[in-house]
Structures are given as C-alpha cells and as structure tokens.
Protein backbone atom coordinates (compact mmCIF):
# COMPACT_ATOMS: atom_id res chain seq x y z
CA GLN A 1 80.95 148.73 4.15
CA VAL A 2 79.26 149.01 0.78
CA GLN A 3 77.57 145.90 -0.55
CA LEU A 4 76.22 145.41 -4.06
CA VAL A 5 73.49 142.98 -5.11
CA GLU A 6 72.59 142.47 -8.76
CA SER A 7 69.28 141.22 -10.11
CA GLY A 8 67.35 141.12 -13.36
CA GLY A 9 69.28 138.56 -15.33
CA GLY A 10 67.66 135.74 -17.26
CA LEU A 11 67.19 134.05 -20.60
CA VAL A 12 66.16 136.22 -23.54
CA GLN A 13 65.94 135.74 -27.29
CA PRO A 14 68.26 137.61 -29.65
CA GLY A 15 66.96 141.12 -30.20
CA GLY A 16 65.31 141.20 -26.80
CA SER A 17 65.90 143.44 -23.82
CA LEU A 18 66.76 143.10 -20.14
CA ARG A 19 67.21 145.60 -17.36
CA LEU A 20 69.73 144.76 -14.67
CA SER A 21 69.57 146.35 -11.25
CA CYS A 22 72.29 146.82 -8.67
CA ALA A 23 71.07 147.57 -5.15
CA VAL A 24 73.63 149.43 -3.04
CA SER A 25 73.65 149.11 0.74
CA GLY A 26 76.01 150.23 3.48
CA GLY A 27 76.57 153.60 1.87
CA SER A 28 75.01 156.30 -0.25
CA ILE A 29 75.46 156.01 -3.99
CA PHE A 30 75.40 159.79 -4.06
CA SER A 31 78.90 159.75 -2.56
CA ILE A 32 80.27 157.12 -4.93
CA ASP A 33 82.15 158.69 -7.82
CA ILE A 34 82.31 155.85 -10.32
CA MET A 35 80.01 152.86 -10.70
CA GLY A 36 80.27 150.32 -13.46
CA TRP A 37 78.93 147.15 -14.98
CA TYR A 38 81.24 144.38 -16.12
CA ARG A 39 80.69 140.94 -17.59
CA GLN A 40 82.52 137.66 -17.82
CA ALA A 41 81.74 134.98 -20.35
CA PRO A 42 82.93 131.36 -19.90
CA GLY A 43 86.62 131.06 -20.70
CA LYS A 44 87.05 134.82 -21.12
CA GLN A 45 88.39 137.64 -19.01
CA ARG A 46 86.07 140.01 -17.20
CA GLU A 47 85.40 143.09 -19.32
CA GLN A 48 83.88 146.49 -18.75
CA VAL A 49 80.51 147.19 -20.39
CA ALA A 50 79.47 150.52 -18.89
CA ILE A 51 80.78 153.25 -16.61
CA ASN A 52 78.77 155.95 -14.85
CA ALA A 53 80.60 158.76 -13.08
CA SER A 54 78.96 161.18 -10.68
CA SER A 55 80.10 163.99 -12.97
CA GLY A 56 77.72 162.63 -15.59
CA ARG A 57 80.43 161.04 -17.70
CA LEU A 58 79.37 157.81 -19.32
CA ASN A 59 81.56 155.32 -21.12
CA TYR A 60 80.74 152.24 -23.21
CA PRO A 61 83.03 149.95 -25.19
CA ASP A 62 82.29 149.56 -28.87
CA PRO A 63 80.60 146.09 -28.65
CA VAL A 64 77.73 147.52 -26.56
CA LYS A 65 77.68 151.17 -27.60
CA GLY A 66 74.22 152.20 -28.74
CA ARG A 67 72.60 149.12 -27.18
CA PHE A 68 73.40 149.39 -23.45
CA THR A 69 72.57 152.29 -21.15
CA ILE A 70 73.82 152.73 -17.59
CA SER A 71 72.02 154.94 -15.12
CA ARG A 72 71.93 155.60 -11.41
CA ASP A 73 69.07 156.55 -9.12
CA ASN A 74 70.33 158.36 -6.04
CA ALA A 75 66.90 158.23 -4.40
CA LYS A 76 66.71 154.44 -4.72
CA ASN A 77 70.44 153.96 -4.09
CA ALA A 78 70.71 151.81 -7.18
CA VAL A 79 72.45 151.51 -10.52
CA TYR A 80 70.82 150.07 -13.62
CA LEU A 81 71.91 148.62 -16.94
CA GLN A 82 69.34 148.70 -19.73
CA MET A 83 70.33 146.23 -22.43
CA ASP A 84 68.55 146.35 -25.79
CA ASN A 85 68.98 144.43 -29.03
CA LEU A 86 70.76 141.66 -27.15
CA LYS A 87 73.01 139.30 -29.07
CA PRO A 88 74.20 135.76 -28.27
CA GLU A 89 77.68 137.17 -27.64
CA ASP A 90 76.26 139.20 -24.76
CA THR A 91 75.80 135.97 -22.81
CA ALA A 92 77.81 136.28 -19.59
CA VAL A 93 77.63 136.83 -15.86
CA TYR A 94 77.14 140.54 -15.27
CA TYR A 95 78.66 142.27 -12.26
CA CYS A 96 78.10 145.61 -10.62
CA HIS A 97 81.26 147.30 -9.31
CA GLN A 98 82.19 150.32 -7.30
CA TYR A 99 85.47 151.73 -8.60
CA MET A 100 88.25 150.75 -6.18
CA GLY A 101 85.61 148.99 -4.10
CA PRO A 102 83.48 145.88 -3.90
CA TRP A 103 81.90 143.69 -6.55
CA GLY A 104 78.46 142.16 -6.53
CA GLN A 105 77.89 138.42 -6.78
CA GLY A 106 76.80 138.63 -10.42
CA THR A 107 73.66 137.84 -12.39
CA GLN A 108 73.51 135.49 -15.37
CA VAL A 109 72.37 136.82 -18.73
CA SER A 110 71.79 134.26 -21.48
CA VAL A 111 70.84 135.24 -25.02
CA SER A 112 69.66 132.34 -27.11
CA SER A 113 66.85 131.31 -29.42
C-alpha cells in the first residue's frame, strides 16, 4: 500500500521560498498517473494547489500560478513543490495526494513577518 510522507514546511517571511517534499513508499511513483499537492487553511476547505500527471500535464490554480512548481523524481520516488514569492495567504497545512489514493499527514507552512 502506498504511503506518503511530507516534509519541508516551516515559517518563512513574505516573499520567501520553501520546497516541500513528498516521499512515496510502498509503490513506484513511476506507475502513479496523477500526483498532487493540496492545502487547507484554518476554517477553510482543502484546495488543490498543483497537479502533476505522468503524461507531463501540469495544472495550477490562479492563486499560485507562476509562483508554485510541482515536479516528480522517479529515481528518488518523490514529488516536490517549489513555492516562491510566498504570501501570508499561502499559510496552510500542505498535503501530498495520490489521485484516488492516500493522503500524507501534512506539513505546516506559515508565511508571516
């Protein structure tokens, strides 16, 4: 059974950058069609922030487009989320997710001066 473990969260000032990692175990990421990153802020619904399909298709919602980049490394069996020019409204718990599969436990990202 596939398991996902996120890391890389933390506290950063506005305009800063973070790189989140999602380690995949129990299966090869090479065989997983769609991986994604989602986030949930306090009092809000969980929302998608990035999708990476094995076909190469990428998808970002407007609030993060141009600032966030999702990538996968088949050799390391991992998925990454590079977040640049972070804003206070990016503060949330970030989750890695296999489409139609498991979720990770989440990693906290806080953007504040």
